[in-house]
PDB file of N, CA and C in Angstrom:
ATOM      1  N   MET A   1      11.833   9.243 -11.951  1.00  0.00           N
ATOM      2  CA  MET A   1      10.050   9.405 -11.039  1.00  0.00           C
ATOM      3  C   MET A   1      10.071   8.149  -9.256  1.00  0.00           C
ATOM      4  N   ARG A   2       9.486   8.194  -8.071  1.00  0.00           N
ATOM      5  CA  ARG A   2      10.156   7.984  -7.551  1.00  0.00           C
ATOM      6  C   ARG A   2       8.113   7.618  -6.986  1.00  0.00           C
ATOM      7  N   VAL A   3       7.697   5.842  -7.144  1.00  0.00           N
ATOM      8  CA  VAL A   3       6.419   5.213  -6.775  1.00  0.00           C
ATOM      9  C   VAL A   3       6.827   5.222  -6.108  1.00  0.00           C
ATOM     10  N   PHE A   4       5.606   5.274  -4.867  1.00  0.00           N
ATOM     11  CA  PHE A   4       5.435   4.227  -3.233  1.00  0.00           C
ATOM     12  C   PHE A   4       4.393   3.059  -3.928  1.00  0.00           C
ATOM     13  N   LEU A   5       5.013   1.595  -3.409  1.00  0.00           N
ATOM     14  CA  LEU A   5       3.392   1.267  -4.090  1.00  0.00           C
ATOM     15  C   LEU A   5       3.084  -0.059  -2.347  1.00  0.00           C
ATOM     16  N   SER A   6       2.049   0.250  -2.327  1.00  0.00           N
ATOM     17  CA  SER A   6       0.810   0.488  -0.897  1.00  0.00           C
ATOM     18  C   SER A   6      -0.299  -0.904  -1.303  1.00  0.00           C
ATOM     19  N   SER A   7       0.181  -1.738  -0.362  1.00  0.00           N
ATOM     20  CA  SER A   7      -1.427  -3.169  -0.383  1.00  0.00           C
ATOM     21  C   SER A   7      -1.191  -3.720   0.555  1.00  0.00           C
ATOM     22  N   THR A   8      -1.545  -5.100   1.345  1.00  0.00           N
ATOM     23  CA  THR A   8      -1.248  -4.993   2.193  1.00  0.00           C
ATOM     24  C   THR A   8      -0.687  -6.595   2.072  1.00  0.00           C
ATOM     25  N   TYR A   9       0.316  -7.105   2.186  1.00  0.00           N
ATOM     26  CA  TYR A   9       1.916  -7.700   2.297  1.00  0.00           C
ATOM     27  C   TYR A   9       1.269  -9.015   1.249  1.00  0.00           C
ATOM     28  N   GLU A  10       0.224 -10.037   2.153  1.00  0.00           N
ATOM     29  CA  GLU A  10      -0.616 -11.721   1.778  1.00  0.00           C
ATOM     30  C   GLU A  10      -2.024 -11.243   0.627  1.00  0.00           C
ATOM     31  N   ASP A  11      -2.557 -10.520   0.837  1.00  0.00           N
ATOM     32  CA  ASP A  11      -3.731 -10.081  -0.481  1.00  0.00           C
ATOM     33  C   ASP A  11      -3.004 -10.279  -1.772  1.00  0.00           C
ATOM     34  N   PRO A  12      -2.747  -9.041  -2.251  1.00  0.00           N
ATOM     35  CA  PRO A  12      -2.470  -9.165  -4.109  1.00  0.00           C
ATOM     36  C   PRO A  12      -1.439  -9.100  -4.230  1.00  0.00           C
ATOM     37  N   VAL A  13      -0.937 -10.184  -3.639  1.00  0.00           N
ATOM     38  CA  VAL A  13       0.168 -11.321  -3.667  1.00  0.00           C
ATOM     39  C   VAL A  13       0.704 -10.960  -5.686  1.00  0.00           C
ATOM     40  N   ASP A  14      -0.303 -11.784  -6.496  1.00  0.00           N
ATOM     41  CA  ASP A  14       0.577 -11.432  -7.443  1.00  0.00           C
ATOM     42  C   ASP A  14       0.401 -10.324  -8.413  1.00  0.00           C
ATOM     43  N   TYR A  15      -0.461  -9.126  -7.637  1.00  0.00           N
ATOM     44  CA  TYR A  15      -0.298  -8.543  -8.347  1.00  0.00           C
ATOM     45  C   TYR A  15       0.869  -6.881  -7.633  1.00  0.00           C
ATOM     46  N   ARG A  16       1.497  -7.525  -6.469  1.00  0.00           N
ATOM     47  CA  ARG A  16       2.183  -6.903  -5.778  1.00  0.00           C
ATOM     48  C   ARG A  16       3.204  -7.172  -6.725  1.00  0.00           C
ATOM     49  N   MET A  17       3.791  -8.869  -6.762  1.00  0.00           N
ATOM     50  CA  MET A  17       5.120  -9.146  -7.428  1.00  0.00           C
ATOM     51  C   MET A  17       5.405  -8.711  -8.921  1.00  0.00           C
ATOM     52  N   LYS A  18       4.328  -8.176  -9.025  1.00  0.00           N
ATOM     53  CA  LYS A  18       4.399  -7.744 -10.834  1.00  0.00           C
ATOM     54  C   LYS A  18       4.113  -6.037 -11.247  1.00  0.00           C
ATOM     55  N   ALA A  19       3.564  -5.111  -9.927  1.00  0.00           N
ATOM     56  CA  ALA A  19       2.836  -3.987 -10.040  1.00  0.00           C
ATOM     57  C   ALA A  19       4.690  -3.448 -10.157  1.00  0.00           C
ATOM     58  N   PRO A  20       6.119  -3.883  -9.862  1.00  0.00           N
ATOM     59  CA  PRO A  20       7.416  -2.496  -9.410  1.00  0.00           C
ATOM     60  C   PRO A  20       8.224  -3.268 -10.798  1.00  0.00           C
ATOM     61  N   SER A  21       7.976  -4.231 -11.528  1.00  0.00           N
ATOM     62  CA  SER A  21       8.449  -3.742 -12.589  1.00  0.00           C
ATOM     63  C   SER A  21       7.602  -3.505 -13.772  1.00  0.00           C
ATOM     64  N   ALA A  22       6.325  -3.038 -13.922  1.00  0.00           N
ATOM     65  CA  ALA A  22       5.417  -2.304 -14.949  1.00  0.00           C
ATOM     66  C   ALA A  22       6.021  -1.178 -14.255  1.00  0.00           C
ATOM     67  N   ILE A  23       5.902  -1.305 -13.091  1.00  0.00           N
ATOM     68  CA  ILE A  23       6.456   0.555 -12.543  1.00  0.00           C
ATOM     69  C   ILE A  23       8.248   0.821 -13.067  1.00  0.00           C
ATOM     70  N   GLU A  24       8.922  -0.241 -13.615  1.00  0.00           N
ATOM     71  CA  GLU A  24       9.866   0.609 -13.755  1.00  0.00           C
ATOM     72  C   GLU A  24      10.641  -0.320 -15.578  1.00  0.00           C
ATOM     73  N   ARG A  25       9.041  -0.815 -16.283  1.00  0.00           N
ATOM     74  CA  ARG A  25       9.227  -0.531 -17.225  1.00  0.00           C
ATOM     75  C   ARG A  25       8.751   0.705 -18.492  1.00  0.00           C
ATOM     76  N   LEU A  26       8.709   1.573 -17.183  1.00  0.00           N
ATOM     77  CA  LEU A  26       8.118   2.853 -17.528  1.00  0.00           C
ATOM     78  C   LEU A  26       8.953   4.051 -17.322  1.00  0.00           C
ATOM     79  N   GLY A  27       9.886   3.571 -16.866  1.00  0.00           N
ATOM     80  CA  GLY A  27      11.262   4.588 -16.615  1.00  0.00           C
ATOM     81  C   GLY A  27      11.491   4.615 -15.244  1.00  0.00           C
ATOM     82  N   GLN A  28      10.393   3.836 -14.195  1.00  0.00           N
ATOM     83  CA  GLN A  28      10.138   4.623 -13.797  1.00  0.00           C
ATOM     84  C   GLN A  28      10.481   3.895 -12.216  1.00  0.00           C
ATOM     85  N   GLN A  29      11.465   4.632 -10.580  1.00  0.00           N
ATOM     86  CA  GLN A  29      12.009   3.783  -9.587  1.00  0.00           C
ATOM     87  C   GLN A  29      10.385   2.604  -8.536  1.00  0.00           C
ATOM     88  N   GLY A  30      10.374   1.934  -8.406  1.00  0.00           N
ATOM     89  CA  GLY A  30       9.415   1.617  -7.633  1.00  0.00           C
ATOM     90  C   GLY A  30       9.635   1.141  -6.227  1.00  0.00           C
ATOM     91  N   ILE A  31       9.625   1.740  -5.615  1.00  0.00           N
ATOM     92  CA  ILE A  31       9.775   1.998  -4.360  1.00  0.00           C
ATOM     93  C   ILE A  31       8.584   0.579  -2.655  1.00  0.00           C
ATOM     94  N   ARG A  32       8.535  -0.598  -2.359  1.00  0.00           N
ATOM     95  CA  ARG A  32       8.075  -1.200  -1.465  1.00  0.00           C
ATOM     96  C   ARG A  32       8.680  -1.415  -0.746  1.00  0.00           C
ATOM     97  N   MET A  33       7.960  -1.876   0.506  1.00  0.00           N
ATOM     98  CA  MET A  33       8.723  -2.038   1.777  1.00  0.00           C
ATOM     99  C   MET A  33       9.491  -3.468   2.020  1.00  0.00           C
ATOM    100  N   GLU A  34       8.900  -4.538   1.416  1.00  0.00           N
ATOM    101  CA  GLU A  34       9.565  -5.628   0.970  1.00  0.00           C
ATOM    102  C   GLU A  34      11.566  -4.899   1.169  1.00  0.00           C
ATOM    103  N   VAL A  35      11.631  -4.830   0.650  1.00  0.00           N
ATOM    104  CA  VAL A  35      13.593  -4.383   0.278  1.00  0.00           C
ATOM    105  C   VAL A  35      13.644  -3.027   0.965  1.00  0.00           C
ATOM    106  N   PHE A  36      13.340  -2.501   1.608  1.00  0.00           N
ATOM    107  CA  PHE A  36      13.484  -1.142   2.708  1.00  0.00           C
ATOM    108  C   PHE A  36      15.397  -2.059   4.309  1.00  0.00           C
ATOM    109  N   GLY A  37      14.477  -2.883   4.173  1.00  0.00           N
ATOM    110  CA  GLY A  37      16.206  -3.363   4.627  1.00  0.00           C
ATOM    111  C   GLY A  37      15.859  -2.444   6.835  1.00  0.00           C
ATOM    112  N   ALA A  38      17.022  -3.111   7.253  1.00  0.00           N
ATOM    113  CA  ALA A  38      16.463  -3.040   9.107  1.00  0.00           C
ATOM    114  C   ALA A  38      16.324  -1.395   8.675  1.00  0.00           C
ATOM    115  N   ARG A  39      15.067  -0.865   9.809  1.00  0.00           N
ATOM    116  CA  ARG A  39      15.803   1.202   9.765  1.00  0.00           C
ATOM    117  C   ARG A  39      14.858   0.485  11.156  1.00  0.00           C
ATOM    118  N   PRO A  40      15.968   2.261  11.985  1.00  0.00           N
ATOM    119  CA  PRO A  40      15.823   2.474  13.369  1.00  0.00           C
ATOM    120  C   PRO A  40      15.032   2.465  14.387  1.00  0.00           C
ATOM    121  N   PHE A  41      14.101   2.991  13.438  1.00  0.00           N
ATOM    122  CA  PHE A  41      12.521   2.667  13.110  1.00  0.00           C
ATOM    123  C   PHE A  41      11.045   1.899  12.911  1.00  0.00           C
ATOM    124  N   GLN A  42      10.123   2.153  14.105  1.00  0.00           N
ATOM    125  CA  GLN A  42       8.407   1.820  13.536  1.00  0.00           C
ATOM    126  C   GLN A  42       8.851   1.699  12.068  1.00  0.00           C
ATOM    127  N   ALA A  43       7.772   0.227  11.828  1.00  0.00           N
ATOM    128  CA  ALA A  43       7.290   0.575   9.438  1.00  0.00           C
ATOM    129  C   ALA A  43       6.620   1.757   9.836  1.00  0.00           C
ATOM    130  N   THR A  44       5.863   1.179  10.372  1.00  0.00           N
ATOM    131  CA  THR A  44       4.901   3.253  10.432  1.00  0.00           C
ATOM    132  C   THR A  44       5.320   4.143   9.260  1.00  0.00           C
ATOM    133  N   ALA A  45       6.279   4.980  10.678  1.00  0.00           N
ATOM    134  CA  ALA A  45       7.419   5.918  10.449  1.00  0.00           C
ATOM    135  C   ALA A  45       8.305   5.620   9.489  1.00  0.00           C
ATOM    136  N   ALA A  46       8.961   4.424   8.886  1.00  0.00           N
ATOM    137  CA  ALA A  46       9.801   3.951   7.881  1.00  0.00           C
ATOM    138  C   ALA A  46       8.935   4.391   6.551  1.00  0.00           C
ATOM    139  N   CYS A  47       7.598   3.729   5.925  1.00  0.00           N
ATOM    140  CA  CYS A  47       6.710   3.465   5.111  1.00  0.00           C
ATOM    141  C   CYS A  47       6.648   5.348   5.183  1.00  0.00           C
ATOM    142  N   LEU A  48       5.945   5.881   5.505  1.00  0.00           N
ATOM    143  CA  LEU A  48       5.057   7.821   5.917  1.00  0.00           C
ATOM    144  C   LEU A  48       6.921   8.559   5.026  1.00  0.00           C
ATOM    145  N   SER A  49       7.860   7.730   5.722  1.00  0.00           N
ATOM    146  CA  SER A  49       9.053   8.600   5.384  1.00  0.00           C
ATOM    147  C   SER A  49       9.314   8.397   3.928  1.00  0.00           C
ATOM    148  N   GLU A  50       9.948   7.093   3.502  1.00  0.00           N
ATOM    149  CA  GLU A  50       9.290   6.970   1.941  1.00  0.00           C
ATOM    150  C   GLU A  50       8.262   7.415   1.461  1.00  0.00           C
ATOM    151  N   ILE A  51       6.980   8.128   1.422  1.00  0.00           N
ATOM    152  CA  ILE A  51       6.334   8.346   1.274  1.00  0.00           C
ATOM    153  C   ILE A  51       6.346  10.076   0.782  1.00  0.00           C
ATOM    154  N   ASP A  52       7.228  10.608   1.970  1.00  0.00           N
ATOM    155  CA  ASP A  52       7.613  11.867   1.964  1.00  0.00           C
ATOM    156  C   ASP A  52       8.948  11.686   0.824  1.00  0.00           C
ATOM    157  N   GLU A  53       9.461  10.858   0.367  1.00  0.00           N
ATOM    158  CA  GLU A  53      10.524  10.788  -0.846  1.00  0.00           C
ATOM    159  C   GLU A  53       9.763  10.552  -2.197  1.00  0.00           C
ATOM    160  N   CYS A  54       9.350  10.139  -2.079  1.00  0.00           N
ATOM    161  CA  CYS A  54       8.784   9.709  -3.737  1.00  0.00           C
ATOM    162  C   CYS A  54       7.827  10.498  -5.023  1.00  0.00           C
ATOM    163  N   ASP A  55       7.159  10.782  -4.975  1.00  0.00           N
ATOM    164  CA  ASP A  55       6.768  11.590  -6.316  1.00  0.00           C
ATOM    165  C   ASP A  55       5.376  11.572  -6.439  1.00  0.00           C
ATOM    166  N   ALA A  56       4.442   9.638  -5.644  1.00  0.00           N
ATOM    167  CA  ALA A  56       3.758   9.180  -6.304  1.00  0.00           C
ATOM    168  C   ALA A  56       3.042   8.130  -5.779  1.00  0.00           C
ATOM    169  N   MET A  57       2.108   7.389  -5.418  1.00  0.00           N
ATOM    170  CA  MET A  57       1.092   6.354  -5.094  1.00  0.00           C
ATOM    171  C   MET A  57       1.176   5.376  -5.743  1.00  0.00           C
ATOM    172  N   VAL A  58       0.859   4.328  -5.261  1.00  0.00           N
ATOM    173  CA  VAL A  58       0.223   3.276  -5.946  1.00  0.00           C
ATOM    174  C   VAL A  58      -0.648   2.153  -5.886  1.00  0.00           C
ATOM    175  N   GLY A  59      -1.679   2.275  -5.008  1.00  0.00           N
ATOM    176  CA  GLY A  59      -2.486   1.705  -3.721  1.00  0.00           C
ATOM    177  C   GLY A  59      -3.246   0.331  -4.950  1.00  0.00           C
ATOM    178  N   ILE A  60      -2.343  -0.558  -4.248  1.00  0.00           N
ATOM    179  CA  ILE A  60      -4.073  -1.726  -4.916  1.00  0.00           C
ATOM    180  C   ILE A  60      -4.664  -2.885  -3.279  1.00  0.00           C
ATOM    181  N   TYR A  61      -5.929  -2.337  -3.252  1.00  0.00           N
ATOM    182  CA  TYR A  61      -6.375  -2.548  -2.444  1.00  0.00           C
ATOM    183  C   TYR A  61      -6.991  -3.785  -2.978  1.00  0.00           C
ATOM    184  N   ALA A  62      -7.211  -4.659  -1.722  1.00  0.00           N
ATOM    185  CA  ALA A  62      -8.001  -6.026  -1.697  1.00  0.00           C
ATOM    186  C   ALA A  62      -9.154  -6.037  -0.193  1.00  0.00           C
ATOM    187  N   HIS A  63      -9.054  -6.920   0.143  1.00  0.00           N
ATOM    188  CA  HIS A  63      -9.552  -7.758   1.043  1.00  0.00           C
ATOM    189  C   HIS A  63      -9.256  -7.632   2.398  1.00  0.00           C
ATOM    190  N   ARG A  64      -8.477  -7.221   2.649  1.00  0.00           N
ATOM    191  CA  ARG A  64      -8.164  -7.470   3.621  1.00  0.00           C
ATOM    192  C   ARG A  64      -7.639  -5.838   4.031  1.00  0.00           C
ATOM    193  N   TYR A  65      -7.277  -5.346   5.618  1.00  0.00           N
ATOM    194  CA  TYR A  65      -7.670  -3.827   6.073  1.00  0.00           C
ATOM    195  C   TYR A  65      -6.107  -3.170   5.636  1.00  0.00           C
ATOM    196  N   GLY A  66      -5.419  -4.824   6.545  1.00  0.00           N
ATOM    197  CA  GLY A  66      -4.252  -4.255   7.512  1.00  0.00           C
ATOM    198  C   GLY A  66      -4.320  -4.107   8.247  1.00  0.00           C
ATOM    199  N   PHE A  67      -2.799  -4.513   8.430  1.00  0.00           N
ATOM    200  CA  PHE A  67      -2.647  -4.327   9.952  1.00  0.00           C
ATOM    201  C   PHE A  67      -2.649  -3.504  10.809  1.00  0.00           C
ATOM    202  N   ILE A  68      -3.307  -2.729  12.211  1.00  0.00           N
ATOM    203  CA  ILE A  68      -3.371  -1.755  13.324  1.00  0.00           C
ATOM    204  C   ILE A  68      -2.449  -2.003  14.536  1.00  0.00           C
ATOM    205  N   PRO A  69      -0.898  -0.727  14.043  1.00  0.00           N
ATOM    206  CA  PRO A  69      -0.075  -1.249  15.022  1.00  0.00           C
ATOM    207  C   PRO A  69      -0.894  -0.499  16.598  1.00  0.00           C
ATOM    208  N   ALA A  70       0.229  -0.185  17.315  1.00  0.00           N
ATOM    209  CA  ALA A  70      -0.623   0.225  18.578  1.00  0.00           C
ATOM    210  C   ALA A  70      -0.456   1.326  19.055  1.00  0.00           C
ATOM    211  N   GLY A  71      -1.167   2.050  19.750  1.00  0.00           N
ATOM    212  CA  GLY A  71      -1.601   3.168  19.921  1.00  0.00           C
ATOM    213  C   GLY A  71      -2.314   4.009  18.302  1.00  0.00           C
ATOM    214  N   SER A  72      -2.584   3.046  17.448  1.00  0.00           N
ATOM    215  CA  SER A  72      -2.832   3.732  16.202  1.00  0.00           C
ATOM    216  C   SER A  72      -4.513   3.051  15.760  1.00  0.00           C
ATOM    217  N   ASN A  73      -5.483   3.402  15.712  1.00  0.00           N
ATOM    218  CA  ASN A  73      -6.842   3.599  15.223  1.00  0.00           C
ATOM    219  C   ASN A  73      -7.565   3.562  14.462  1.00  0.00           C
ATOM    220  N   ILE A  74      -6.351   2.755  13.096  1.00  0.00           N
ATOM    221  CA  ILE A  74      -6.507   2.972  11.673  1.00  0.00           C
ATOM    222  C   ILE A  74      -4.933   1.801  11.298  1.00  0.00           C
ATOM    223  N   SER A  75      -4.807   0.599   9.622  1.00  0.00           N
ATOM    224  CA  SER A  75      -4.148   0.550   9.555  1.00  0.00           C
ATOM    225  C   SER A  75      -2.647   0.943   8.731  1.00  0.00           C
ATOM    226  N   ILE A  76      -1.831   0.664   8.788  1.00  0.00           N
ATOM    227  CA  ILE A  76      -0.827   1.364   8.243  1.00  0.00           C
ATOM    228  C   ILE A  76      -0.417   1.691   6.499  1.00  0.00           C
ATOM    229  N   LEU A  77      -1.883   0.242   5.651  1.00  0.00           N
ATOM    230  CA  LEU A  77      -2.850   0.724   4.550  1.00  0.00           C
ATOM    231  C   LEU A  77      -3.293   1.989   4.511  1.00  0.00           C
ATOM    232  N   GLU A  78      -3.757   2.419   5.281  1.00  0.00           N
ATOM    233  CA  GLU A  78      -4.834   3.066   5.367  1.00  0.00           C
ATOM    234  C   GLU A  78      -3.582   4.744   5.705  1.00  0.00           C
ATOM    235  N   GLN A  79      -3.085   4.882   6.043  1.00  0.00           N
ATOM    236  CA  GLN A  79      -2.767   5.686   7.176  1.00  0.00           C
ATOM    237  C   GLN A  79      -1.248   5.477   5.695  1.00  0.00           C
ATOM    238  N   GLU A  80      -0.637   5.543   5.498  1.00  0.00           N
ATOM    239  CA  GLU A  80       0.007   5.433   3.731  1.00  0.00           C
ATOM    240  C   GLU A  80      -0.965   6.194   3.165  1.00  0.00           C
ATOM    241  N   PHE A  81      -2.168   6.186   2.820  1.00  0.00           N
ATOM    242  CA  PHE A  81      -2.560   6.659   1.769  1.00  0.00           C
ATOM    243  C   PHE A  81      -3.353   7.758   2.237  1.00  0.00           C
ATOM    244  N   ASP A  82      -3.423   8.103   3.440  1.00  0.00           N
ATOM    245  CA  ASP A  82      -3.807   9.608   4.136  1.00  0.00           C
ATOM    246  C   ASP A  82      -2.745  10.555   3.462  1.00  0.00           C
ATOM    247  N   HIS A  83      -1.630   9.932   3.994  1.00  0.00           N
ATOM    248  CA  HIS A  83      -0.179  10.272   4.170  1.00  0.00           C
ATOM    249  C   HIS A  83      -0.373  11.727   2.119  1.00  0.00           C
ATOM    250  N   ALA A  84      -0.937  10.076   1.796  1.00  0.00           N
ATOM    251  CA  ALA A  84       0.134  10.519  -0.004  1.00  0.00           C
ATOM    252  C   ALA A  84      -1.183  11.463  -0.338  1.00  0.00           C
ATOM    253  N   ILE A  85      -2.075  10.516  -0.185  1.00  0.00           N
ATOM    254  CA  ILE A  85      -3.074  11.808  -0.724  1.00  0.00           C
ATOM    255  C   ILE A  85      -3.481  13.516  -0.347  1.00  0.00           C
ATOM    256  N   ARG A  86      -2.263  13.473   0.698  1.00  0.00           N
ATOM    257  CA  ARG A  86      -1.888  15.343   1.553  1.00  0.00           C
ATOM    258  C   ARG A  86      -1.621  16.201   0.075  1.00  0.00           C
ATOM    259  N   ASN A  87      -0.075  15.530  -1.232  1.00  0.00           N
ATOM    260  CA  ASN A  87       0.207  16.417  -2.160  1.00  0.00           C
ATOM    261  C   ASN A  87       1.038  15.571  -2.869  1.00  0.00           C
ATOM    262  N   LYS A  88       0.551  14.730  -3.674  1.00  0.00           N
ATOM    263  CA  LYS A  88       1.678  13.040  -3.956  1.00  0.00           C
ATOM    264  C   LYS A  88       0.317  13.032  -4.814  1.00  0.00           C
ATOM    265  N   THR A  89       1.001  12.145  -6.292  1.00  0.00           N
ATOM    266  CA  THR A  89      -0.567  11.701  -7.169  1.00  0.00           C
ATOM    267  C   THR A  89      -0.659  10.840  -5.848  1.00  0.00           C
ATOM    268  N   VAL A  90      -1.401  10.435  -6.873  1.00  0.00           N
ATOM    269  CA  VAL A  90      -2.052   8.322  -6.529  1.00  0.00           C
ATOM    270  C   VAL A  90      -2.377   7.448  -6.498  1.00  0.00           C
ATOM    271  N   LEU A  91      -2.190   6.709  -7.061  1.00  0.00           N
ATOM    272  CA  LEU A  91      -3.345   5.774  -7.997  1.00  0.00           C
ATOM    273  C   LEU A  91      -3.524   4.784  -7.705  1.00  0.00           C
ATOM    274  N   CYS A  92      -4.181   4.372  -7.087  1.00  0.00           N
ATOM    275  CA  CYS A  92      -4.886   3.107  -6.961  1.00  0.00           C
ATOM    276  C   CYS A  92      -6.296   1.475  -6.991  1.00  0.00           C
ATOM    277  N   PHE A  93      -5.669   1.157  -7.291  1.00  0.00           N
ATOM    278  CA  PHE A  93      -6.490  -0.319  -7.705  1.00  0.00           C
ATOM    279  C   PHE A  93      -7.397  -0.493  -6.747  1.00  0.00           C
ATOM    280  N   ILE A  94      -8.425  -0.993  -6.987  1.00  0.00           N
ATOM    281  CA  ILE A  94      -9.079  -1.684  -5.931  1.00  0.00           C
ATOM    282  C   ILE A  94      -9.879  -3.324  -6.178  1.00  0.00           C
ATOM    283  N   ILE A  95      -9.480  -4.116  -6.299  1.00  0.00           N
ATOM    284  CA  ILE A  95      -9.917  -5.801  -6.038  1.00  0.00           C
ATOM    285  C   ILE A  95     -11.863  -6.074  -6.092  1.00  0.00           C
ATOM    286  N   GLY A  96     -12.133  -5.956  -6.435  1.00  0.00           N
ATOM    287  CA  GLY A  96     -13.234  -6.721  -7.031  1.00  0.00           C
ATOM    288  C   GLY A  96     -14.175  -7.597  -5.816  1.00  0.00           C
ATOM    289  N   ASP A  97     -14.763  -7.220  -5.449  1.00  0.00           N
ATOM    290  CA  ASP A  97     -15.659  -7.710  -4.499  1.00  0.00           C
ATOM    291  C   ASP A  97     -15.959  -9.610  -5.554  1.00  0.00           C
ATOM    292  N   ASN A  98     -15.778  -9.570  -6.840  1.00  0.00           N
ATOM    293  CA  ASN A  98     -16.337 -10.956  -7.176  1.00  0.00           C
ATOM    294  C   ASN A  98     -15.240 -11.789  -7.075  1.00  0.00           C
ATOM    295  N   TYR A  99     -14.067 -11.059  -6.610  1.00  0.00           N
ATOM    296  CA  TYR A  99     -12.015 -11.799  -6.935  1.00  0.00           C
ATOM    297  C   TYR A  99     -12.388 -12.805  -5.974  1.00  0.00           C
ATOM    298  N   PRO A 100     -12.283 -13.859  -6.854  1.00  0.00           N
ATOM    299  CA  PRO A 100     -11.725 -15.210  -6.238  1.00  0.00           C
ATOM    300  C   PRO A 100     -10.867 -15.118  -4.692  1.00  0.00           C
ATOM    301  N   TRP A 101     -11.452 -14.834  -2.983  1.00  0.00           N
ATOM    302  CA  TRP A 101      -9.968 -15.144  -2.388  1.00  0.00           C
ATOM    303  C   TRP A 101     -10.368 -16.589  -1.508  1.00  0.00           C
ATOM    304  N   LEU A 102      -9.191 -16.389  -0.836  1.00  0.00           N
ATOM    305  CA  LEU A 102      -9.660 -17.243   0.115  1.00  0.00           C
ATOM    306  C   LEU A 102     -10.059 -17.096   0.473  1.00  0.00           C
ATOM    307  N   PRO A 103     -10.580 -18.752   1.287  1.00  0.00           N
ATOM    308  CA  PRO A 103     -12.168 -17.528   2.100  1.00  0.00           C
ATOM    309  C   PRO A 103     -11.770 -17.353   3.956  1.00  0.00           C
ATOM    310  N   THR A 104     -10.913 -17.125   4.368  1.00  0.00           N
ATOM    311  CA  THR A 104      -9.779 -17.243   5.768  1.00  0.00           C
ATOM    312  C   THR A 104      -9.439 -15.299   5.943  1.00  0.00           C
ATOM    313  N   THR A 105      -9.700 -15.391   4.489  1.00  0.00           N
ATOM    314  CA  THR A 105      -9.456 -13.925   3.818  1.00  0.00           C
ATOM    315  C   THR A 105     -10.340 -12.871   5.213  1.00  0.00           C
ATOM    316  N   SER A 106     -10.234 -11.789   5.888  1.00  0.00           N
ATOM    317  CA  SER A 106     -10.940 -10.864   6.013  1.00  0.00           C
ATOM    318  C   SER A 106     -11.953  -9.713   4.594  1.00  0.00           C
ATOM    319  N   LYS A 107     -12.984  -9.200   5.067  1.00  0.00           N
ATOM    320  CA  LYS A 107     -13.635  -8.250   4.449  1.00  0.00           C
ATOM    321  C   LYS A 107     -13.099  -7.040   4.773  1.00  0.00           C
ATOM    322  N   VAL A 108     -12.906  -5.886   3.547  1.00  0.00           N
ATOM    323  CA  VAL A 108     -12.553  -4.784   3.782  1.00  0.00           C
ATOM    324  C   VAL A 108     -13.778  -3.855   4.061  1.00  0.00           C
ATOM    325  N   SER A 109     -13.594  -3.013   5.145  1.00  0.00           N
ATOM    326  CA  SER A 109     -14.903  -2.493   5.302  1.00  0.00           C
ATOM    327  C   SER A 109     -15.994  -1.893   4.242  1.00  0.00           C
ATOM    328  N   PRO A 110     -16.198  -1.270   4.581  1.00  0.00           N
ATOM    329  CA  PRO A 110     -17.879  -0.265   3.417  1.00  0.00           C
ATOM    330  C   PRO A 110     -16.959   1.111   4.071  1.00  0.00           C
ATOM    331  N   ALA A 111     -16.516   1.161   4.810  1.00  0.00           N
ATOM    332  CA  ALA A 111     -16.634   2.856   5.685  1.00  0.00           C
ATOM    333  C   ALA A 111     -14.775   3.459   4.987  1.00  0.00           C
ATOM    334  N   ALA A 112     -14.094   1.343   5.548  1.00  0.00           N
ATOM    335  CA  ALA A 112     -12.886   2.036   4.894  1.00  0.00           C
ATOM    336  C   ALA A 112     -12.268   2.422   3.607  1.00  0.00           C
ATOM    337  N   LEU A 113     -12.739   1.900   3.081  1.00  0.00           N
ATOM    338  CA  LEU A 113     -13.601   2.333   1.070  1.00  0.00           C
ATOM    339  C   LEU A 113     -13.917   4.191   1.021  1.00  0.00           C
ATOM    340  N   GLU A 114     -14.433   4.384   1.951  1.00  0.00           N
ATOM    341  CA  GLU A 114     -14.368   6.050   1.870  1.00  0.00           C
ATOM    342  C   GLU A 114     -13.777   6.527   2.486  1.00  0.00           C
ATOM    343  N   TRP A 115     -12.573   6.862   1.979  1.00  0.00           N
ATOM    344  CA  TRP A 115     -10.784   7.542   2.030  1.00  0.00           C
ATOM    345  C   TRP A 115     -11.758   9.335   1.590  1.00  0.00           C
TER     346      TRP A 115
END
């Protein structure tokens, strides 16, 4: 089974680093953006294409909303979720508001969590 790992890159670094090995310990193949390599198309298309090839998605969501590419109204992170939820198994982990965080990070708007 192929499992796509979705999160902002900077926020949940510890979790994002450990998630692939946890997925692999379960005998599954973890897919994440930082190991894609060079692609002839932009990041959003690459992520959505990889999600299409996966059986499930694991989302790790923290305080940042994620990068909003030019021409879009929503972040790549939200686009990944919206794309996967249509026909994939999606498991989401949301870091609590009381989790210690760098004071310079921006908070996720409550509306963003109402996917």
